C-alpha atoms as a PDB file:
ATOM      1  CA  MET A   1     -28.906  43.365 -43.339  1.00  0.00           C
ATOM      2  CA  ARG A   2     -31.957  43.848 -41.092  1.00  0.00           C
ATOM      3  CA  SER A   3     -33.414  46.770 -42.877  1.00  0.00           C
ATOM      4  CA  LEU A   4     -33.402  44.631 -46.113  1.00  0.00           C
ATOM      5  CA  ALA A   5     -35.701  42.138 -44.515  1.00  0.00           C
ATOM      6  CA  ARG A   6     -37.931  45.006 -43.190  1.00  0.00           C
ATOM      7  CA  ARG A   7     -38.397  46.186 -46.777  1.00  0.00           C
ATOM      8  CA  VAL A   8     -39.736  42.808 -47.917  1.00  0.00           C
ATOM      9  CA  PRO A   9     -42.917  44.039 -49.672  1.00  0.00           C
ATOM     10  CA  VAL A  10     -40.955  46.528 -51.652  1.00  0.00           C
ATOM     11  CA  LEU A  11     -38.410  44.040 -52.594  1.00  0.00           C
ATOM     12  CA  ALA A  12     -40.850  41.368 -53.441  1.00  0.00           C
ATOM     13  CA  ALA A  13     -42.571  43.710 -55.793  1.00  0.00           C
ATOM     14  CA  SER A  14     -39.274  44.289 -57.619  1.00  0.00           C
ATOM     15  CA  ALA A  15     -38.437  40.605 -57.584  1.00  0.00           C
ATOM     16  CA  ALA A  16     -35.332  41.201 -55.519  1.00  0.00           C
ATOM     17  CA  LEU A  17     -33.734  38.820 -52.956  1.00  0.00           C
ATOM     18  CA  THR A  18     -34.871  39.545 -49.478  1.00  0.00           C
ATOM     19  CA  VAL A  19     -33.342  37.280 -46.777  1.00  0.00           C
ATOM     20  CA  PHE A  20     -31.544  34.125 -45.780  1.00  0.00           C
ATOM     21  CA  ALA A  21     -31.368  32.198 -42.542  1.00  0.00           C
ATOM     22  CA  ALA A  22     -29.039  31.178 -39.809  1.00  0.00           C
ATOM     23  CA  ALA A  23     -28.928  31.366 -36.125  1.00  0.00           C
ATOM     24  CA  CYS A  24     -25.366  30.684 -34.978  1.00  0.00           C
ATOM     25  CA  SER A  25     -21.845  31.352 -36.355  1.00  0.00           C
ATOM     26  CA  THR A  26     -19.512  28.465 -36.843  1.00  0.00           C
ATOM     27  CA  GLN A  27     -15.762  28.250 -36.629  1.00  0.00           C
ATOM     28  CA  ALA A  28     -15.578  27.933 -40.463  1.00  0.00           C
ATOM     29  CA  SER A  29     -17.609  31.224 -41.047  1.00  0.00           C
ATOM     30  CA  ASN A  30     -15.600  33.002 -38.556  1.00  0.00           C
ATOM     31  CA  THR A  31     -12.439  31.928 -40.039  1.00  0.00           C
ATOM     32  CA  SER A  32     -13.537  33.414 -43.298  1.00  0.00           C
ATOM     33  CA  THR A  33     -14.846  36.706 -42.168  1.00  0.00           C
ATOM     34  CA  SER A  34     -12.698  37.798 -39.222  1.00  0.00           C
ATOM     35  CA  SER A  35      -9.379  38.410 -40.949  1.00  0.00           C
ATOM     36  CA  GLY A  36      -9.112  41.950 -42.225  1.00  0.00           C
ATOM     37  CA  THR A  37      -5.378  42.084 -42.891  1.00  0.00           C
ATOM     38  CA  GLY A  38      -4.792  39.087 -45.204  1.00  0.00           C
ATOM     39  CA  ALA A  39      -2.706  39.906 -48.229  1.00  0.00           C
ATOM     40  CA  SER A  40      -3.485  39.113 -51.739  1.00  0.00           C
ATOM     41  CA  SER A  41      -1.201  36.479 -53.448  1.00  0.00           C
ATOM     42  CA  ARG A  42      -0.126  39.139 -55.983  1.00  0.00           C
ATOM     43  CA  PRO A  43       1.736  42.365 -55.424  1.00  0.00           C
ATOM     44  CA  ALA A  44      -0.542  45.245 -54.923  1.00  0.00           C
ATOM     45  CA  SER A  45       0.531  46.794 -58.225  1.00  0.00           C
ATOM     46  CA  GLN A  46      -0.555  43.868 -60.215  1.00  0.00           C
ATOM     47  CA  GLY A  47      -4.018  43.767 -61.766  1.00  0.00           C
ATOM     48  CA  PHE A  48      -4.440  47.518 -61.939  1.00  0.00           C
ATOM     49  CA  PRO A  49      -5.883  49.450 -63.456  1.00  0.00           C
ATOM     50  CA  ALA A  50      -8.762  47.037 -63.328  1.00  0.00           C
ATOM     51  CA  SER A  51     -11.937  46.908 -65.292  1.00  0.00           C
ATOM     52  CA  VAL A  52     -14.736  45.018 -63.300  1.00  0.00           C
ATOM     53  CA  ALA A  53     -18.012  43.815 -65.033  1.00  0.00           C
ATOM     54  CA  ALA A  54     -20.714  44.609 -62.307  1.00  0.00           C
ATOM     55  CA  ALA A  55     -24.358  45.161 -62.024  1.00  0.00           C
ATOM     56  CA  ASN A  56     -23.974  48.927 -62.666  1.00  0.00           C
ATOM     57  CA  GLY A  57     -21.759  48.408 -65.860  1.00  0.00           C
ATOM     58  CA  THR A  58     -18.005  48.219 -66.263  1.00  0.00           C
ATOM     59  CA  VAL A  59     -16.372  49.663 -63.132  1.00  0.00           C
ATOM     60  CA  LYS A  60     -12.834  51.035 -63.731  1.00  0.00           C
ATOM     61  CA  VAL A  61     -10.411  51.113 -60.731  1.00  0.00           C
ATOM     62  CA  ALA A  62      -7.318  52.951 -61.477  1.00  0.00           C
ATOM     63  CA  SER A  63      -5.175  51.581 -58.682  1.00  0.00           C
ATOM     64  CA  ARG A  64      -5.418  49.353 -55.689  1.00  0.00           C
ATOM     65  CA  PRO A  65      -8.042  51.008 -53.405  1.00  0.00           C
ATOM     66  CA  THR A  66      -6.804  52.022 -49.860  1.00  0.00           C
ATOM     67  CA  ALA A  67      -9.834  53.850 -48.748  1.00  0.00           C
ATOM     68  CA  ILE A  68     -13.006  51.669 -49.438  1.00  0.00           C
ATOM     69  CA  LEU A  69     -16.423  52.808 -48.266  1.00  0.00           C
ATOM     70  CA  SER A  70     -19.057  50.090 -47.944  1.00  0.00           C
ATOM     71  CA  LEU A  71     -22.767  50.881 -48.006  1.00  0.00           C
ATOM     72  CA  SER A  72     -23.720  47.250 -47.832  1.00  0.00           C
ATOM     73  CA  PRO A  73     -23.520  44.992 -44.679  1.00  0.00           C
ATOM     74  CA  THR A  74     -23.137  42.006 -46.984  1.00  0.00           C
ATOM     75  CA  ALA A  75     -20.348  43.664 -48.933  1.00  0.00           C
ATOM     76  CA  THR A  76     -18.659  44.693 -45.687  1.00  0.00           C
ATOM     77  CA  GLU A  77     -18.612  40.925 -44.616  1.00  0.00           C
ATOM     78  CA  MET A  78     -17.242  40.019 -47.991  1.00  0.00           C
ATOM     79  CA  LEU A  79     -14.390  42.552 -47.877  1.00  0.00           C
ATOM     80  CA  TYR A  80     -13.231  41.165 -44.671  1.00  0.00           C
ATOM     81  CA  ALA A  81     -13.584  37.761 -45.883  1.00  0.00           C
ATOM     82  CA  ILE A  82     -11.326  38.188 -48.927  1.00  0.00           C
ATOM     83  CA  GLY A  83      -8.670  39.956 -46.802  1.00  0.00           C
ATOM     84  CA  ALA A  84      -9.517  43.562 -47.721  1.00  0.00           C
ATOM     85  CA  GLY A  85     -10.442  44.767 -44.289  1.00  0.00           C
ATOM     86  CA  SER A  86      -7.411  46.879 -43.907  1.00  0.00           C
ATOM     87  CA  GLN A  87      -8.417  48.837 -46.911  1.00  0.00           C
ATOM     88  CA  VAL A  88     -11.877  49.609 -45.519  1.00  0.00           C
ATOM     89  CA  LYS A  89     -12.080  53.213 -44.377  1.00  0.00           C
ATOM     90  CA  ALA A  90     -15.755  53.457 -43.473  1.00  0.00           C
ATOM     91  CA  VAL A  91     -18.978  51.341 -43.551  1.00  0.00           C
ATOM     92  CA  ASP A  92     -22.663  52.117 -43.336  1.00  0.00           C
ATOM     93  CA  SER A  93     -24.726  52.223 -40.198  1.00  0.00           C
ATOM     94  CA  LEU A  94     -26.106  48.762 -40.583  1.00  0.00           C
ATOM     95  CA  SER A  95     -22.638  47.054 -41.151  1.00  0.00           C
ATOM     96  CA  ASP A  96     -22.276  45.528 -37.778  1.00  0.00           C
ATOM     97  CA  TYR A  97     -20.102  42.455 -38.649  1.00  0.00           C
ATOM     98  CA  PRO A  98     -17.359  41.868 -38.264  1.00  0.00           C
ATOM     99  CA  PRO A  99     -17.191  44.057 -35.024  1.00  0.00           C
ATOM    100  CA  GLN A 100     -14.015  45.787 -36.072  1.00  0.00           C
ATOM    101  CA  ALA A 101     -15.472  47.328 -39.248  1.00  0.00           C
ATOM    102  CA  PRO A 102     -15.251  51.146 -38.967  1.00  0.00           C
ATOM    103  CA  ARG A 103     -19.068  51.743 -38.655  1.00  0.00           C
ATOM    104  CA  THR A 104     -20.526  55.351 -39.294  1.00  0.00           C
ATOM    105  CA  LYS A 105     -23.763  57.024 -39.583  1.00  0.00           C
ATOM    106  CA  LEU A 106     -23.855  56.839 -43.243  1.00  0.00           C
ATOM    107  CA  SER A 107     -27.098  55.453 -44.663  1.00  0.00           C
ATOM    108  CA  ALA A 108     -27.239  52.789 -47.426  1.00  0.00           C
ATOM    109  CA  TYR A 109     -30.882  53.770 -48.238  1.00  0.00           C
ATOM    110  CA  GLN A 110     -30.609  57.554 -48.280  1.00  0.00           C
ATOM    111  CA  PRO A 111     -27.099  58.027 -49.344  1.00  0.00           C
ATOM    112  CA  ASN A 112     -25.714  61.448 -48.592  1.00  0.00           C
ATOM    113  CA  VAL A 113     -23.179  62.200 -51.485  1.00  0.00           C
ATOM    114  CA  GLU A 114     -21.719  65.105 -49.508  1.00  0.00           C
ATOM    115  CA  ALA A 115     -20.913  62.865 -46.580  1.00  0.00           C
ATOM    116  CA  ILE A 116     -19.561  60.024 -48.790  1.00  0.00           C
ATOM    117  CA  VAL A 117     -17.262  62.388 -50.633  1.00  0.00           C
ATOM    118  CA  ALA A 118     -15.999  63.736 -47.169  1.00  0.00           C
ATOM    119  CA  GLU A 119     -14.648  60.346 -46.465  1.00  0.00           C
ATOM    120  CA  LYS A 120     -12.453  60.563 -49.471  1.00  0.00           C
ATOM    121  CA  PRO A 121     -12.960  57.037 -50.652  1.00  0.00           C
ATOM    122  CA  ASP A 122     -11.313  55.622 -53.781  1.00  0.00           C
ATOM    123  CA  LEU A 123     -13.922  52.882 -54.063  1.00  0.00           C
ATOM    124  CA  VAL A 124     -17.597  52.642 -52.907  1.00  0.00           C
ATOM    125  CA  VAL A 125     -19.357  49.456 -52.771  1.00  0.00           C
ATOM    126  CA  GLU A 126     -23.170  49.255 -52.574  1.00  0.00           C
ATOM    127  CA  SER A 127     -25.936  46.778 -52.934  1.00  0.00           C
ATOM    128  CA  GLY A 128     -28.301  48.928 -55.118  1.00  0.00           C
ATOM    129  CA  ASP A 129     -27.693  52.153 -56.999  1.00  0.00           C
ATOM    130  CA  THR A 130     -29.871  54.194 -54.714  1.00  0.00           C
ATOM    131  CA  GLY A 131     -30.386  57.754 -55.786  1.00  0.00           C
ATOM    132  CA  GLN A 132     -28.126  57.105 -58.904  1.00  0.00           C
ATOM    133  CA  LEU A 133     -25.142  57.092 -56.672  1.00  0.00           C
ATOM    134  CA  THR A 134     -22.881  55.678 -59.443  1.00  0.00           C
ATOM    135  CA  LYS A 135     -23.679  58.712 -61.627  1.00  0.00           C
ATOM    136  CA  ARG A 136     -23.423  61.287 -58.878  1.00  0.00           C
ATOM    137  CA  LEU A 137     -20.048  59.936 -57.602  1.00  0.00           C
ATOM    138  CA  ALA A 138     -18.689  59.794 -61.158  1.00  0.00           C
ATOM    139  CA  ALA A 139     -18.682  63.573 -60.928  1.00  0.00           C
ATOM    140  CA  PHE A 140     -15.973  63.285 -58.143  1.00  0.00           C
ATOM    141  CA  SER A 141     -14.114  60.486 -60.051  1.00  0.00           C
ATOM    142  CA  ILE A 142     -15.048  58.059 -57.357  1.00  0.00           C
ATOM    143  CA  PRO A 143     -15.713  54.422 -58.797  1.00  0.00           C
ATOM    144  CA  VAL A 144     -18.799  52.583 -57.375  1.00  0.00           C
ATOM    145  CA  LEU A 145     -19.152  48.843 -57.516  1.00  0.00           C
ATOM    146  CA  GLU A 146     -22.789  47.514 -57.160  1.00  0.00           C
ATOM    147  CA  LEU A 147     -23.242  44.009 -55.649  1.00  0.00           C
ATOM    148  CA  PRO A 148     -26.940  43.476 -55.495  1.00  0.00           C
ATOM    149  CA  ALA A 149     -28.745  40.572 -53.965  1.00  0.00           C
ATOM    150  CA  PRO A 150     -28.053  37.604 -56.228  1.00  0.00           C
ATOM    151  CA  ALA A 151     -30.827  35.145 -57.541  1.00  0.00           C
ATOM    152  CA  LYS A 152     -28.641  32.075 -57.440  1.00  0.00           C
ATOM    153  CA  LEU A 153     -25.503  30.812 -55.647  1.00  0.00           C
ATOM    154  CA  ALA A 154     -23.566  31.364 -58.894  1.00  0.00           C
ATOM    155  CA  GLY A 155     -24.472  35.092 -58.568  1.00  0.00           C
ATOM    156  CA  GLU A 156     -22.927  35.120 -55.079  1.00  0.00           C
ATOM    157  CA  TYR A 157     -19.752  33.517 -56.308  1.00  0.00           C
ATOM    158  CA  ALA A 158     -19.501  36.059 -59.169  1.00  0.00           C
ATOM    159  CA  GLU A 159     -19.789  38.936 -56.636  1.00  0.00           C
ATOM    160  CA  PHE A 160     -16.865  37.558 -54.693  1.00  0.00           C
ATOM    161  CA  ASP A 161     -14.777  37.540 -57.947  1.00  0.00           C
ATOM    162  CA  GLN A 162     -15.847  41.087 -58.762  1.00  0.00           C
ATOM    163  CA  LEU A 163     -14.845  42.434 -55.390  1.00  0.00           C
ATOM    164  CA  GLY A 164     -11.570  40.501 -55.455  1.00  0.00           C
ATOM    165  CA  ARG A 165     -10.644  42.077 -58.867  1.00  0.00           C
ATOM    166  CA  ALA A 166     -11.682  45.548 -57.595  1.00  0.00           C
ATOM    167  CA  THR A 167      -9.646  45.372 -54.374  1.00  0.00           C
ATOM    168  CA  GLY A 168      -6.599  43.320 -55.466  1.00  0.00           C
ATOM    169  CA  HIS A 169      -7.665  40.159 -53.749  1.00  0.00           C
ATOM    170  CA  LEU A 170      -8.814  37.917 -56.484  1.00  0.00           C
ATOM    171  CA  ALA A 171      -6.830  34.874 -55.399  1.00  0.00           C
ATOM    172  CA  ARG A 172      -8.228  35.134 -51.803  1.00  0.00           C
ATOM    173  CA  ALA A 173     -11.701  35.703 -53.142  1.00  0.00           C
ATOM    174  CA  GLN A 174     -11.554  32.551 -55.186  1.00  0.00           C
ATOM    175  CA  GLN A 175     -10.225  30.666 -52.110  1.00  0.00           C
ATOM    176  CA  VAL A 176     -13.297  31.918 -50.116  1.00  0.00           C
ATOM    177  CA  VAL A 177     -15.648  30.697 -53.003  1.00  0.00           C
ATOM    178  CA  ALA A 178     -13.985  27.250 -53.091  1.00  0.00           C
ATOM    179  CA  ARG A 179     -14.393  26.960 -49.288  1.00  0.00           C
ATOM    180  CA  LEU A 180     -18.077  28.027 -49.459  1.00  0.00           C
ATOM    181  CA  ARG A 181     -18.594  25.279 -52.311  1.00  0.00           C
ATOM    182  CA  THR A 182     -16.971  22.598 -50.144  1.00  0.00           C
ATOM    183  CA  GLN A 183     -18.788  23.551 -46.952  1.00  0.00           C
ATOM    184  CA  LEU A 184     -22.218  23.747 -48.509  1.00  0.00           C
ATOM    185  CA  HIS A 185     -21.749  20.337 -50.162  1.00  0.00           C
ATOM    186  CA  GLN A 186     -20.588  18.832 -46.859  1.00  0.00           C
ATOM    187  CA  ILE A 187     -23.571  20.383 -44.984  1.00  0.00           C
ATOM    188  CA  ALA A 188     -25.953  19.053 -47.671  1.00  0.00           C
ATOM    189  CA  ALA A 189     -24.345  15.572 -47.509  1.00  0.00           C
ATOM    190  CA  ALA A 190     -24.730  15.449 -43.792  1.00  0.00           C
ATOM    191  CA  ALA A 191     -28.463  16.178 -43.872  1.00  0.00           C
ATOM    192  CA  PRO A 192     -30.960  13.368 -43.165  1.00  0.00           C
ATOM    193  CA  HIS A 193     -32.547  11.856 -46.320  1.00  0.00           C
ATOM    194  CA  HIS A 194     -36.311  11.536 -46.587  1.00  0.00           C
ATOM    195  CA  ALA A 195     -38.536   9.802 -49.152  1.00  0.00           C
ATOM    196  CA  ARG A 196     -40.109  13.034 -50.015  1.00  0.00           C
ATOM    197  CA  PRO A 197     -39.029  16.639 -49.802  1.00  0.00           C
ATOM    198  CA  LEU A 198     -39.850  18.297 -46.446  1.00  0.00           C
ATOM    199  CA  THR A 199     -42.092  21.238 -46.756  1.00  0.00           C
ATOM    200  CA  TYR A 200     -41.388  24.622 -44.991  1.00  0.00           C
ATOM    201  CA  TYR A 201     -42.989  27.838 -44.402  1.00  0.00           C
ATOM    202  CA  TYR A 202     -40.306  30.655 -44.458  1.00  0.00           C
ATOM    203  CA  GLU A 203     -41.438  33.745 -42.601  1.00  0.00           C
ATOM    204  CA  LEU A 204     -39.976  37.047 -43.539  1.00  0.00           C
ATOM    205  CA  ASP A 205     -42.405  39.046 -41.381  1.00  0.00           C
ATOM    206  CA  GLN A 206     -45.575  38.950 -39.547  1.00  0.00           C
ATOM    207  CA  THR A 207     -47.639  39.866 -42.589  1.00  0.00           C
ATOM    208  CA  TYR A 208     -46.647  36.370 -43.912  1.00  0.00           C
ATOM    209  CA  TYR A 209     -44.380  37.357 -46.777  1.00  0.00           C
ATOM    210  CA  SER A 210     -42.489  34.214 -47.697  1.00  0.00           C
ATOM    211  CA  VAL A 211     -40.000  32.778 -50.291  1.00  0.00           C
ATOM    212  CA  THR A 212     -40.514  30.124 -53.014  1.00  0.00           C
ATOM    213  CA  SER A 213     -38.039  27.267 -53.816  1.00  0.00           C
ATOM    214  CA  SER A 214     -36.847  29.331 -56.765  1.00  0.00           C
ATOM    215  CA  THR A 215     -35.319  32.127 -54.635  1.00  0.00           C
ATOM    216  CA  PHE A 216     -31.821  32.189 -53.374  1.00  0.00           C
ATOM    217  CA  VAL A 217     -32.662  30.990 -49.972  1.00  0.00           C
ATOM    218  CA  GLY A 218     -35.066  28.541 -51.493  1.00  0.00           C
ATOM    219  CA  GLN A 219     -32.271  27.025 -53.634  1.00  0.00           C
ATOM    220  CA  LEU A 220     -30.073  26.775 -50.481  1.00  0.00           C
ATOM    221  CA  LEU A 221     -32.754  24.962 -48.645  1.00  0.00           C
ATOM    222  CA  ALA A 222     -33.395  22.590 -51.600  1.00  0.00           C
ATOM    223  CA  LEU A 223     -29.789  21.297 -51.061  1.00  0.00           C
ATOM    224  CA  LEU A 224     -31.414  19.783 -47.846  1.00  0.00           C
ATOM    225  CA  GLY A 225     -34.192  18.246 -49.746  1.00  0.00           C
ATOM    226  CA  MET A 226     -36.678  20.896 -48.693  1.00  0.00           C
ATOM    227  CA  LYS A 227     -39.550  22.446 -50.653  1.00  0.00           C
ATOM    228  CA  SER A 228     -41.341  25.699 -49.839  1.00  0.00           C
ATOM    229  CA  ILE A 229     -45.243  25.748 -49.455  1.00  0.00           C
ATOM    230  CA  ALA A 230     -45.187  29.039 -51.205  1.00  0.00           C
ATOM    231  CA  ASP A 231     -44.526  27.616 -54.552  1.00  0.00           C
ATOM    232  CA  GLN A 232     -48.117  27.162 -55.432  1.00  0.00           C
ATOM    233  CA  ALA A 233     -49.353  30.295 -53.896  1.00  0.00           C
ATOM    234  CA  SER A 234     -51.294  32.802 -55.996  1.00  0.00           C
ATOM    235  CA  GLY A 235     -48.969  35.392 -57.373  1.00  0.00           C
ATOM    236  CA  ALA A 236     -45.786  33.562 -56.516  1.00  0.00           C
ATOM    237  CA  ALA A 237     -44.247  33.995 -59.862  1.00  0.00           C
ATOM    238  CA  LYS A 238     -45.532  37.579 -60.346  1.00  0.00           C
ATOM    239  CA  SER A 239     -43.926  38.564 -56.944  1.00  0.00           C
ATOM    240  CA  GLY A 240     -40.651  37.240 -58.197  1.00  0.00           C
ATOM    241  CA  GLY A 241     -40.775  34.370 -55.623  1.00  0.00           C
ATOM    242  CA  TYR A 242     -41.628  36.416 -52.593  1.00  0.00           C
ATOM    243  CA  PRO A 243     -45.497  36.014 -52.272  1.00  0.00           C
ATOM    244  CA  GLN A 244     -47.512  37.233 -49.343  1.00  0.00           C
ATOM    245  CA  LEU A 245     -49.408  34.276 -47.945  1.00  0.00           C
ATOM    246  CA  SER A 246     -52.344  34.215 -45.616  1.00  0.00           C
ATOM    247  CA  ALA A 247     -52.855  32.483 -42.382  1.00  0.00           C
ATOM    248  CA  GLU A 248     -55.455  30.200 -43.957  1.00  0.00           C
ATOM    249  CA  TYR A 249     -53.057  29.189 -46.744  1.00  0.00           C
ATOM    250  CA  ILE A 250     -50.359  28.277 -44.278  1.00  0.00           C
ATOM    251  CA  LEU A 251     -52.699  26.302 -42.051  1.00  0.00           C
ATOM    252  CA  LYS A 252     -54.017  24.342 -45.089  1.00  0.00           C
ATOM    253  CA  ALA A 253     -50.494  23.581 -46.337  1.00  0.00           C
ATOM    254  CA  ASN A 254     -49.443  22.277 -42.901  1.00  0.00           C
ATOM    255  CA  PRO A 255     -45.702  22.532 -43.400  1.00  0.00           C
ATOM    256  CA  ASP A 256     -43.186  20.235 -41.867  1.00  0.00           C
ATOM    257  CA  TYR A 257     -40.965  22.998 -40.719  1.00  0.00           C
ATOM    258  CA  ILE A 258     -41.548  26.779 -39.882  1.00  0.00           C
ATOM    259  CA  ILE A 259     -38.434  28.939 -40.337  1.00  0.00           C
ATOM    260  CA  LEU A 260     -38.632  32.365 -38.718  1.00  0.00           C
ATOM    261  CA  ALA A 261     -36.498  35.263 -40.122  1.00  0.00           C
ATOM    262  CA  ASP A 262     -38.294  37.828 -37.925  1.00  0.00           C
ATOM    263  CA  THR A 263     -37.071  36.913 -34.444  1.00  0.00           C
ATOM    264  CA  LEU A 264     -35.359  40.135 -33.750  1.00  0.00           C
ATOM    265  CA  CYS A 265     -37.556  42.688 -35.599  1.00  0.00           C
ATOM    266  CA  CYS A 266     -40.840  41.191 -34.514  1.00  0.00           C
ATOM    267  CA  HIS A 267     -39.882  39.074 -31.466  1.00  0.00           C
ATOM    268  CA  GLN A 268     -41.091  35.870 -33.007  1.00  0.00           C
ATOM    269  CA  ASP A 269     -40.380  32.328 -31.556  1.00  0.00           C
ATOM    270  CA  ALA A 270     -41.883  28.933 -31.075  1.00  0.00           C
ATOM    271  CA  ALA A 271     -44.087  30.184 -28.244  1.00  0.00           C
ATOM    272  CA  THR A 272     -45.589  33.248 -30.155  1.00  0.00           C
ATOM    273  CA  VAL A 273     -46.181  31.015 -33.247  1.00  0.00           C
ATOM    274  CA  ALA A 274     -48.005  28.435 -31.211  1.00  0.00           C
ATOM    275  CA  LYS A 275     -50.205  31.155 -29.803  1.00  0.00           C
ATOM    276  CA  ARG A 276     -51.489  32.164 -33.270  1.00  0.00           C
ATOM    277  CA  PRO A 277     -55.120  31.148 -33.916  1.00  0.00           C
ATOM    278  CA  GLY A 278     -55.138  27.561 -35.196  1.00  0.00           C
ATOM    279  CA  TRP A 279     -51.318  27.229 -35.358  1.00  0.00           C
ATOM    280  CA  SER A 280     -50.986  24.897 -32.454  1.00  0.00           C
ATOM    281  CA  GLY A 281     -52.427  22.155 -34.627  1.00  0.00           C
ATOM    282  CA  LEU A 282     -49.776  22.486 -37.271  1.00  0.00           C
ATOM    283  CA  ALA A 283     -47.363  19.536 -37.646  1.00  0.00           C
ATOM    284  CA  ALA A 284     -44.361  21.836 -37.329  1.00  0.00           C
ATOM    285  CA  VAL A 285     -45.609  23.131 -34.085  1.00  0.00           C
ATOM    286  CA  LYS A 286     -46.612  19.857 -32.686  1.00  0.00           C
ATOM    287  CA  ASP A 287     -43.301  18.277 -33.654  1.00  0.00           C
ATOM    288  CA  GLY A 288     -41.229  21.200 -32.399  1.00  0.00           C
ATOM    289  CA  HIS A 289     -39.981  21.835 -35.862  1.00  0.00           C
ATOM    290  CA  ILE A 290     -39.683  25.684 -35.662  1.00  0.00           C
ATOM    291  CA  ILE A 291     -36.382  27.307 -36.405  1.00  0.00           C
ATOM    292  CA  GLY A 292     -35.684  30.679 -35.265  1.00  0.00           C
ATOM    293  CA  LEU A 293     -33.055  32.745 -37.119  1.00  0.00           C
ATOM    294  CA  ASN A 294     -31.020  35.860 -36.661  1.00  0.00           C
ATOM    295  CA  ASP A 295     -32.687  38.509 -38.780  1.00  0.00           C
ATOM    296  CA  ASP A 296     -29.306  40.142 -39.859  1.00  0.00           C
ATOM    297  CA  ILE A 297     -27.608  36.946 -40.991  1.00  0.00           C
ATOM    298  CA  ALA A 298     -30.740  35.847 -42.656  1.00  0.00           C
ATOM    299  CA  SER A 299     -30.735  38.795 -44.937  1.00  0.00           C
ATOM    300  CA  ARG A 300     -27.141  38.663 -46.109  1.00  0.00           C
ATOM    301  CA  TRP A 301     -25.761  36.737 -48.960  1.00  0.00           C
ATOM    302  CA  GLY A 302     -22.077  36.757 -48.062  1.00  0.00           C
ATOM    303  CA  PRO A 303     -19.625  34.365 -46.455  1.00  0.00           C
ATOM    304  CA  ARG A 304     -22.061  33.346 -43.644  1.00  0.00           C
ATOM    305  CA  VAL A 305     -24.548  31.577 -45.845  1.00  0.00           C
ATOM    306  CA  THR A 306     -22.918  28.354 -44.580  1.00  0.00           C
ATOM    307  CA  ASP A 307     -24.381  29.247 -41.284  1.00  0.00           C
ATOM    308  CA  LEU A 308     -27.823  29.390 -42.862  1.00  0.00           C
ATOM    309  CA  LEU A 309     -27.564  25.796 -44.126  1.00  0.00           C
ATOM    310  CA  ARG A 310     -25.872  24.444 -41.155  1.00  0.00           C
ATOM    311  CA  THR A 311     -28.517  25.800 -38.686  1.00  0.00           C
ATOM    312  CA  VAL A 312     -31.325  24.364 -40.697  1.00  0.00           C
ATOM    313  CA  GLU A 313     -29.463  20.987 -41.208  1.00  0.00           C
ATOM    314  CA  THR A 314     -28.731  20.764 -37.514  1.00  0.00           C
ATOM    315  CA  ALA A 315     -32.418  21.250 -36.725  1.00  0.00           C
ATOM    316  CA  MET A 316     -33.392  18.715 -39.234  1.00  0.00           C
ATOM    317  CA  ALA A 317     -31.065  16.173 -37.823  1.00  0.00           C
ATOM    318  CA  LYS A 318     -32.207  16.783 -34.296  1.00  0.00           C
ATOM    319  CA  GLY A 319     -35.897  16.552 -35.488  1.00  0.00           C
ATOM    320  CA  SER A 320     -35.169  13.179 -37.143  1.00  0.00           C
ATOM    321  CA  SER A 321     -33.586  11.696 -34.067  1.00  0.00           C
ATOM    322  CA  GLY A 322     -36.092  13.227 -31.690  1.00  0.00           C
END
């Protein structure tokens, strides 16, 4: 979600995941996210009551939920991807995909318990336990499933499993994970091979916050044989993999590629980057190796991560043949 990317300094300090990248949706990702009425392979009565091991502890869901409230754009995409869209009653103000999601004015960062309870949900899904929401909603016997930004791909796959168990769509969730694994492997296999890793500067915002190769997005890009210039930055480890670089550091590192995750919020593109003092001499600028991403997709770790990898791989292939 876009606001997640805008909170980069705070998230970096807490070693949380911030953003991913992609510029275009593909047929594969649309197929995985657009269906909201797909049924689980098991009858609705099976699998409940369910106990789901999540980030906020063991979440007990008495029966198959029919009024889910999502306070996470990523969770919203995941719910529709696994076929639980028909069970979603309301989503937060930032959940803009898929377009049929019942968007409301509910805030994920300043959750209003009274407004949430008024929706009469039988399951609330969030990315962070803001304001001790789990505890506060427990007073109303409303279970809360926390699905925070994962540090690794395995974490994303595990969250699909948790959401599948909590909604009665475990089989469908496992199918989505299998498809993601296959698609990521295929995209990585199609990437051009180089004698050395291609370096990149991944821009989260105009204050030069970036990501290292150890982060979620860094691990995805590593599948394409890419390495972050932020790996050797001062404070990289202390920041949890999200250090704030300087213009001087970036110019000295001279990355092969520049990946922008601030095209919407900060109106950045190849032209604005080239106009920065000294940046016109960078290899990435001279070679046209600047990849502009959609901020929203770049900050979600759901079913459209394949768009992230495919977009970068396509740019790499174009750059190699150009």
